[in-house]
């Protein structure tokens, strides 16, 4: 079953002659781990912004978890995004004055998900699952880059969204830590989460189930990754 559909999606930014995206179309099945690769300026980040509802297409439709994003107003879209898509950033984006546990708790409080006691239990479970339960009461600045990215993944998973979108999540990590993060994503996909990850590193597609390659705003390759 498709959880993401892009239908003839185009994006033009005011003041720019070239299309950031041009007639992009694809579907993503539930439980897929999709890498989106391409050179700088190929349209990767623009595409991820459209899939998460951060930006809107100039033409075509983006449908995620059964919702056509362009049909929602900003308030509805914000509420939908908080429950449907978890976002992991290259630079972690953890709030520096909140503890790791408080950072993970924040999305649940923002979307009023569950009872307070259940929220705290979920925070503990997520941090434990990601191997950083002992960092819960520390500020992000006291953690290594890999630990901060695990905390950011926990935060993205806080509301148990069906889709996780990651924008260069290994860009600030060493090779070993990057492979750990990719293994976490692969494990999440195997358990039914849908992962869409932007990366410059084409070799990371070995962790994925599908690979999409963009060039000049168009899809030039969309294939299933052989796991053999």
C-alpha atoms as a PDB file:
ATOM      1  CA  UNK A   1       0.000   0.000   0.000  1.00  0.00           C
ATOM      2  CA  UNK A   2       1.361   3.421  -0.994  1.00  0.00           C
ATOM      3  CA  UNK A   3       1.895   5.821   1.885  1.00  0.00           C
ATOM      4  CA  UNK A   4       3.514   8.550  -0.262  1.00  0.00           C
ATOM      5  CA  UNK A   5       2.466   9.617  -3.748  1.00  0.00           C
ATOM      6  CA  UNK A   6       3.940  12.400  -5.852  1.00  0.00           C
ATOM      7  CA  UNK A   7       1.853  13.125  -8.924  1.00  0.00           C
ATOM      8  CA  UNK A   8       3.462  15.277 -11.649  1.00  0.00           C
ATOM      9  CA  UNK A   9       4.974  17.547  -9.006  1.00  0.00           C
ATOM     10  CA  UNK A  10       6.648  20.760 -10.078  1.00  0.00           C
ATOM     11  CA  UNK A  11       8.204  23.564  -8.049  1.00  0.00           C
ATOM     12  CA  UNK A  12       9.305  26.990  -9.244  1.00  0.00           C
ATOM     13  CA  UNK A  13      10.695  29.545  -6.818  1.00  0.00           C
ATOM     14  CA  UNK A  14       9.854  33.205  -7.506  1.00  0.00           C
ATOM     15  CA  UNK A  15      12.717  34.990  -9.225  1.00  0.00           C
ATOM     16  CA  UNK A  16      14.297  31.794 -10.555  1.00  0.00           C
ATOM     17  CA  UNK A  17      13.947  30.752 -14.187  1.00  0.00           C
ATOM     18  CA  UNK A  18      14.731  27.046 -13.753  1.00  0.00           C
ATOM     19  CA  UNK A  19      12.350  24.618 -12.097  1.00  0.00           C
ATOM     20  CA  UNK A  20      13.545  23.237  -8.768  1.00  0.00           C
ATOM     21  CA  UNK A  21      11.402  20.180  -9.528  1.00  0.00           C
ATOM     22  CA  UNK A  22       9.945  19.239 -12.908  1.00  0.00           C
ATOM     23  CA  UNK A  23       7.175  16.659 -13.364  1.00  0.00           C
ATOM     24  CA  UNK A  24       8.293  14.434 -10.485  1.00  0.00           C
ATOM     25  CA  UNK A  25       6.181  11.337  -9.930  1.00  0.00           C
ATOM     26  CA  UNK A  26       6.671   8.263  -7.751  1.00  0.00           C
ATOM     27  CA  UNK A  27       5.065   6.212  -5.001  1.00  0.00           C
ATOM     28  CA  UNK A  28       6.487   4.840  -1.772  1.00  0.00           C
ATOM     29  CA  UNK A  29       5.050   1.743  -0.114  1.00  0.00           C
ATOM     30  CA  UNK A  30       4.639   1.464   3.646  1.00  0.00           C
ATOM     31  CA  UNK A  31       7.736   0.108   5.352  1.00  0.00           C
ATOM     32  CA  UNK A  32      10.113   1.250   2.600  1.00  0.00           C
ATOM     33  CA  UNK A  33      13.496   2.837   3.258  1.00  0.00           C
ATOM     34  CA  UNK A  34      14.072   5.244   0.372  1.00  0.00           C
ATOM     35  CA  UNK A  35      17.274   7.171  -0.296  1.00  0.00           C
ATOM     36  CA  UNK A  36      17.103  10.311  -2.436  1.00  0.00           C
ATOM     37  CA  UNK A  37      20.448  11.189  -3.991  1.00  0.00           C
ATOM     38  CA  UNK A  38      21.738  13.804  -6.398  1.00  0.00           C
ATOM     39  CA  UNK A  39      24.178  16.683  -6.649  1.00  0.00           C
ATOM     40  CA  UNK A  40      23.674  19.963  -4.822  1.00  0.00           C
ATOM     41  CA  UNK A  41      20.892  21.850  -6.589  1.00  0.00           C
ATOM     42  CA  UNK A  42      19.284  18.688  -7.983  1.00  0.00           C
ATOM     43  CA  UNK A  43      16.079  19.263  -5.985  1.00  0.00           C
ATOM     44  CA  UNK A  44      16.569  16.847  -3.075  1.00  0.00           C
ATOM     45  CA  UNK A  45      15.800  19.245  -0.238  1.00  0.00           C
ATOM     46  CA  UNK A  46      12.957  20.845  -2.176  1.00  0.00           C
ATOM     47  CA  UNK A  47      11.389  17.417  -2.607  1.00  0.00           C
ATOM     48  CA  UNK A  48      11.743  16.579   1.085  1.00  0.00           C
ATOM     49  CA  UNK A  49      10.205  19.944   2.017  1.00  0.00           C
ATOM     50  CA  UNK A  50       7.191  19.123  -0.161  1.00  0.00           C
ATOM     51  CA  UNK A  51       6.825  15.641   1.327  1.00  0.00           C
ATOM     52  CA  UNK A  52       6.815  17.073   4.854  1.00  0.00           C
ATOM     53  CA  UNK A  53       4.466  19.949   4.036  1.00  0.00           C
ATOM     54  CA  UNK A  54       7.097  22.559   4.860  1.00  0.00           C
ATOM     55  CA  UNK A  55       6.675  23.881   1.310  1.00  0.00           C
ATOM     56  CA  UNK A  56       3.949  23.519  -1.312  1.00  0.00           C
ATOM     57  CA  UNK A  57       4.254  22.475  -4.954  1.00  0.00           C
ATOM     58  CA  UNK A  58       3.681  24.894  -7.828  1.00  0.00           C
ATOM     59  CA  UNK A  59       1.935  22.105  -9.725  1.00  0.00           C
ATOM     60  CA  UNK A  60       0.878  18.521  -9.131  1.00  0.00           C
ATOM     61  CA  UNK A  61      -0.130  16.788  -5.911  1.00  0.00           C
ATOM     62  CA  UNK A  62       1.713  15.404  -2.900  1.00  0.00           C
ATOM     63  CA  UNK A  63      -0.279  12.797  -0.964  1.00  0.00           C
ATOM     64  CA  UNK A  64       1.071  11.421   2.325  1.00  0.00           C
ATOM     65  CA  UNK A  65      -0.785   8.940   4.531  1.00  0.00           C
ATOM     66  CA  UNK A  66      -3.950   9.537   2.525  1.00  0.00           C
ATOM     67  CA  UNK A  67      -3.883  13.328   2.813  1.00  0.00           C
ATOM     68  CA  UNK A  68      -3.406  15.710  -0.103  1.00  0.00           C
ATOM     69  CA  UNK A  69      -1.140  18.279   1.514  1.00  0.00           C
ATOM     70  CA  UNK A  70      -2.166  21.237  -0.668  1.00  0.00           C
ATOM     71  CA  UNK A  71      -5.786  20.805   0.486  1.00  0.00           C
ATOM     72  CA  UNK A  72      -4.926  21.627   4.114  1.00  0.00           C
ATOM     73  CA  UNK A  73      -4.562  25.098   5.613  1.00  0.00           C
ATOM     74  CA  UNK A  74      -1.440  25.900   7.633  1.00  0.00           C
ATOM     75  CA  UNK A  75      -2.999  25.165  11.032  1.00  0.00           C
ATOM     76  CA  UNK A  76      -4.360  21.792   9.944  1.00  0.00           C
ATOM     77  CA  UNK A  77      -1.112  20.979   8.153  1.00  0.00           C
ATOM     78  CA  UNK A  78       0.958  21.759  11.241  1.00  0.00           C
ATOM     79  CA  UNK A  79      -1.195  19.489  13.397  1.00  0.00           C
ATOM     80  CA  UNK A  80      -1.090  16.747  10.752  1.00  0.00           C
ATOM     81  CA  UNK A  81       2.696  17.009  10.399  1.00  0.00           C
ATOM     82  CA  UNK A  82       3.215  16.662  14.146  1.00  0.00           C
ATOM     83  CA  UNK A  83       1.428  13.315  14.183  1.00  0.00           C
ATOM     84  CA  UNK A  84       2.341  11.931  10.757  1.00  0.00           C
ATOM     85  CA  UNK A  85       5.938  12.828   9.941  1.00  0.00           C
ATOM     86  CA  UNK A  86       9.019  12.837  12.132  1.00  0.00           C
ATOM     87  CA  UNK A  87      11.909  14.909  10.770  1.00  0.00           C
ATOM     88  CA  UNK A  88      15.607  14.303  11.432  1.00  0.00           C
ATOM     89  CA  UNK A  89      18.012  17.107  10.499  1.00  0.00           C
ATOM     90  CA  UNK A  90      21.711  17.164   9.669  1.00  0.00           C
ATOM     91  CA  UNK A  91      22.454  19.585  12.518  1.00  0.00           C
ATOM     92  CA  UNK A  92      20.241  17.790  15.069  1.00  0.00           C
ATOM     93  CA  UNK A  93      18.164  20.924  15.933  1.00  0.00           C
ATOM     94  CA  UNK A  94      17.837  19.952  19.588  1.00  0.00           C
ATOM     95  CA  UNK A  95      16.859  22.816  21.899  1.00  0.00           C
ATOM     96  CA  UNK A  96      20.051  23.544  23.843  1.00  0.00           C
ATOM     97  CA  UNK A  97      18.377  24.664  27.092  1.00  0.00           C
ATOM     98  CA  UNK A  98      16.234  21.512  27.407  1.00  0.00           C
ATOM     99  CA  UNK A  99      17.493  18.125  28.514  1.00  0.00           C
ATOM    100  CA  UNK A 100      17.510  15.229  26.087  1.00  0.00           C
ATOM    101  CA  UNK A 101      14.358  13.829  27.706  1.00  0.00           C
ATOM    102  CA  UNK A 102      12.619  17.217  27.534  1.00  0.00           C
ATOM    103  CA  UNK A 103      13.507  17.514  23.822  1.00  0.00           C
ATOM    104  CA  UNK A 104      11.905  14.142  23.123  1.00  0.00           C
ATOM    105  CA  UNK A 105       8.874  14.997  25.251  1.00  0.00           C
ATOM    106  CA  UNK A 106       8.189  18.275  23.436  1.00  0.00           C
ATOM    107  CA  UNK A 107       6.435  16.881  20.314  1.00  0.00           C
ATOM    108  CA  UNK A 108       4.040  14.870  22.476  1.00  0.00           C
ATOM    109  CA  UNK A 109       3.143  17.932  24.519  1.00  0.00           C
ATOM    110  CA  UNK A 110       2.750  20.059  21.394  1.00  0.00           C
ATOM    111  CA  UNK A 111       0.314  17.573  19.838  1.00  0.00           C
ATOM    112  CA  UNK A 112      -1.339  16.548  23.147  1.00  0.00           C
ATOM    113  CA  UNK A 113      -0.474  12.908  22.530  1.00  0.00           C
ATOM    114  CA  UNK A 114      -1.293  10.572  25.432  1.00  0.00           C
ATOM    115  CA  UNK A 115      -1.415  11.179  29.163  1.00  0.00           C
ATOM    116  CA  UNK A 116       1.559  12.888  30.889  1.00  0.00           C
ATOM    117  CA  UNK A 117       2.597   9.675  32.655  1.00  0.00           C
ATOM    118  CA  UNK A 118       2.431   7.732  29.378  1.00  0.00           C
ATOM    119  CA  UNK A 119       4.503  10.389  27.621  1.00  0.00           C
ATOM    120  CA  UNK A 120       7.305  10.082  30.166  1.00  0.00           C
ATOM    121  CA  UNK A 121       7.251   6.306  29.859  1.00  0.00           C
ATOM    122  CA  UNK A 122       7.508   6.559  26.067  1.00  0.00           C
ATOM    123  CA  UNK A 123      10.448   8.966  26.357  1.00  0.00           C
ATOM    124  CA  UNK A 124      12.289   6.496  28.575  1.00  0.00           C
ATOM    125  CA  UNK A 125      11.499   3.610  26.239  1.00  0.00           C
ATOM    126  CA  UNK A 126      12.672   5.489  23.134  1.00  0.00           C
ATOM    127  CA  UNK A 127      15.929   6.617  24.723  1.00  0.00           C
ATOM    128  CA  UNK A 128      16.546   3.100  25.993  1.00  0.00           C
ATOM    129  CA  UNK A 129      15.826   1.613  22.567  1.00  0.00           C
ATOM    130  CA  UNK A 130      18.309   4.021  20.979  1.00  0.00           C
ATOM    131  CA  UNK A 131      20.956   3.322  23.592  1.00  0.00           C
ATOM    132  CA  UNK A 132      21.096   6.735  25.260  1.00  0.00           C
ATOM    133  CA  UNK A 133      18.862   6.290  28.315  1.00  0.00           C
ATOM    134  CA  UNK A 134      21.808   7.297  30.497  1.00  0.00           C
ATOM    135  CA  UNK A 135      21.922  10.685  28.723  1.00  0.00           C
ATOM    136  CA  UNK A 136      18.283  11.591  29.428  1.00  0.00           C
ATOM    137  CA  UNK A 137      18.953  14.316  31.999  1.00  0.00           C
ATOM    138  CA  UNK A 138      21.871  15.937  30.179  1.00  0.00           C
ATOM    139  CA  UNK A 139      21.757  18.990  27.935  1.00  0.00           C
ATOM    140  CA  UNK A 140      22.431  18.276  24.243  1.00  0.00           C
ATOM    141  CA  UNK A 141      25.759  20.115  24.353  1.00  0.00           C
ATOM    142  CA  UNK A 142      27.129  17.483  26.728  1.00  0.00           C
ATOM    143  CA  UNK A 143      26.538  14.690  24.179  1.00  0.00           C
ATOM    144  CA  UNK A 144      28.640  13.509  21.256  1.00  0.00           C
ATOM    145  CA  UNK A 145      27.379  14.093  17.716  1.00  0.00           C
ATOM    146  CA  UNK A 146      26.217  10.503  17.424  1.00  0.00           C
ATOM    147  CA  UNK A 147      24.355  10.690  20.729  1.00  0.00           C
ATOM    148  CA  UNK A 148      22.697  13.952  19.688  1.00  0.00           C
ATOM    149  CA  UNK A 149      21.538  12.382  16.425  1.00  0.00           C
ATOM    150  CA  UNK A 150      20.083   9.430  18.331  1.00  0.00           C
ATOM    151  CA  UNK A 151      18.261  11.908  20.566  1.00  0.00           C
ATOM    152  CA  UNK A 152      16.975  13.666  17.443  1.00  0.00           C
ATOM    153  CA  UNK A 153      15.729  10.332  16.076  1.00  0.00           C
ATOM    154  CA  UNK A 154      13.973   9.644  19.392  1.00  0.00           C
ATOM    155  CA  UNK A 155      12.308  13.054  19.172  1.00  0.00           C
ATOM    156  CA  UNK A 156      11.203  12.350  15.589  1.00  0.00           C
ATOM    157  CA  UNK A 157       9.661   9.068  16.749  1.00  0.00           C
ATOM    158  CA  UNK A 158       7.972  10.548  19.826  1.00  0.00           C
ATOM    159  CA  UNK A 159       4.464  10.659  18.344  1.00  0.00           C
ATOM    160  CA  UNK A 160       4.907   7.302  16.584  1.00  0.00           C
ATOM    161  CA  UNK A 161       4.542   8.800  13.086  1.00  0.00           C
ATOM    162  CA  UNK A 162       4.231   6.406  10.146  1.00  0.00           C
ATOM    163  CA  UNK A 163       6.837   8.375   8.139  1.00  0.00           C
ATOM    164  CA  UNK A 164      10.342   9.490   9.094  1.00  0.00           C
ATOM    165  CA  UNK A 165      12.026  12.077   6.853  1.00  0.00           C
ATOM    166  CA  UNK A 166      15.769  12.616   7.238  1.00  0.00           C
ATOM    167  CA  UNK A 167      17.758  15.435   5.617  1.00  0.00           C
ATOM    168  CA  UNK A 168      21.462  14.449   5.403  1.00  0.00           C
ATOM    169  CA  UNK A 169      21.280  12.837   8.873  1.00  0.00           C
ATOM    170  CA  UNK A 170      24.851  11.522   8.647  1.00  0.00           C
ATOM    171  CA  UNK A 171      26.383  14.724   7.286  1.00  0.00           C
ATOM    172  CA  UNK A 172      28.061  15.642  10.589  1.00  0.00           C
ATOM    173  CA  UNK A 173      28.930  12.126  11.733  1.00  0.00           C
ATOM    174  CA  UNK A 174      31.962   9.884  11.321  1.00  0.00           C
ATOM    175  CA  UNK A 175      31.694   6.730   9.258  1.00  0.00           C
ATOM    176  CA  UNK A 176      31.108   4.325  12.142  1.00  0.00           C
ATOM    177  CA  UNK A 177      28.429   6.505  13.736  1.00  0.00           C
ATOM    178  CA  UNK A 178      26.807   7.060  10.333  1.00  0.00           C
ATOM    179  CA  UNK A 179      26.534   3.316   9.831  1.00  0.00           C
ATOM    180  CA  UNK A 180      24.916   2.980  13.265  1.00  0.00           C
ATOM    181  CA  UNK A 181      22.291   5.600  12.352  1.00  0.00           C
ATOM    182  CA  UNK A 182      21.631   3.892   9.018  1.00  0.00           C
ATOM    183  CA  UNK A 183      21.218   0.553  10.772  1.00  0.00           C
ATOM    184  CA  UNK A 184      18.655   2.173  13.083  1.00  0.00           C
ATOM    185  CA  UNK A 185      16.720   3.442  10.052  1.00  0.00           C
ATOM    186  CA  UNK A 186      16.877   0.041   8.385  1.00  0.00           C
ATOM    187  CA  UNK A 187      15.570  -1.611  11.546  1.00  0.00           C
ATOM    188  CA  UNK A 188      12.721   0.895  11.812  1.00  0.00           C
ATOM    189  CA  UNK A 189      11.717   0.205   8.192  1.00  0.00           C
ATOM    190  CA  UNK A 190      11.760  -3.526   8.852  1.00  0.00           C
ATOM    191  CA  UNK A 191       9.241  -2.866  11.648  1.00  0.00           C
ATOM    192  CA  UNK A 192       6.908  -0.904   9.359  1.00  0.00           C
ATOM    193  CA  UNK A 193       8.123   2.703   9.481  1.00  0.00           C
ATOM    194  CA  UNK A 194       8.567   4.428   6.144  1.00  0.00           C
ATOM    195  CA  UNK A 195      11.945   6.181   5.894  1.00  0.00           C
ATOM    196  CA  UNK A 196      12.790   8.824   3.289  1.00  0.00           C
ATOM    197  CA  UNK A 197      16.394   9.988   3.514  1.00  0.00           C
ATOM    198  CA  UNK A 198      18.326  12.588   1.553  1.00  0.00           C
ATOM    199  CA  UNK A 199      22.023  11.827   1.234  1.00  0.00           C
ATOM    200  CA  UNK A 200      25.034  12.749  -0.883  1.00  0.00           C
ATOM    201  CA  UNK A 201      26.514   9.313  -0.179  1.00  0.00           C
ATOM    202  CA  UNK A 202      25.305   6.905  -2.858  1.00  0.00           C
ATOM    203  CA  UNK A 203      26.924   3.940  -1.087  1.00  0.00           C
ATOM    204  CA  UNK A 204      24.428   4.330   1.771  1.00  0.00           C
ATOM    205  CA  UNK A 205      21.687   3.009  -0.500  1.00  0.00           C
ATOM    206  CA  UNK A 206      22.852  -0.500   0.478  1.00  0.00           C
ATOM    207  CA  UNK A 207      20.873   0.012   3.700  1.00  0.00           C
ATOM    208  CA  UNK A 208      17.739   1.019   1.781  1.00  0.00           C
ATOM    209  CA  UNK A 209      15.005  -0.802  -0.092  1.00  0.00           C
ATOM    210  CA  UNK A 210      14.613   1.816  -2.841  1.00  0.00           C
ATOM    211  CA  UNK A 211      16.782   4.489  -4.446  1.00  0.00           C
ATOM    212  CA  UNK A 212      15.680   7.660  -6.233  1.00  0.00           C
ATOM    213  CA  UNK A 213      18.264   9.780  -8.054  1.00  0.00           C
ATOM    214  CA  UNK A 214      17.534  13.375  -9.040  1.00  0.00           C
ATOM    215  CA  UNK A 215      19.250  15.517 -11.653  1.00  0.00           C
ATOM    216  CA  UNK A 216      18.212  19.087 -12.474  1.00  0.00           C
ATOM    217  CA  UNK A 217      14.877  18.634 -10.726  1.00  0.00           C
ATOM    218  CA  UNK A 218      13.896  15.439 -12.522  1.00  0.00           C
ATOM    219  CA  UNK A 219      13.995  11.784 -11.506  1.00  0.00           C
ATOM    220  CA  UNK A 220      16.594  10.026 -13.653  1.00  0.00           C
ATOM    221  CA  UNK A 221      16.563   6.771 -11.692  1.00  0.00           C
ATOM    222  CA  UNK A 222      13.984   5.116  -9.455  1.00  0.00           C
ATOM    223  CA  UNK A 223      14.755   1.523  -8.579  1.00  0.00           C
ATOM    224  CA  UNK A 224      14.496  -1.172  -5.993  1.00  0.00           C
ATOM    225  CA  UNK A 225      17.779  -1.860  -4.215  1.00  0.00           C
ATOM    226  CA  UNK A 226      19.062  -5.397  -4.472  1.00  0.00           C
ATOM    227  CA  UNK A 227      19.788  -6.771  -0.994  1.00  0.00           C
ATOM    228  CA  UNK A 228      21.596  -9.840  -2.257  1.00  0.00           C
END
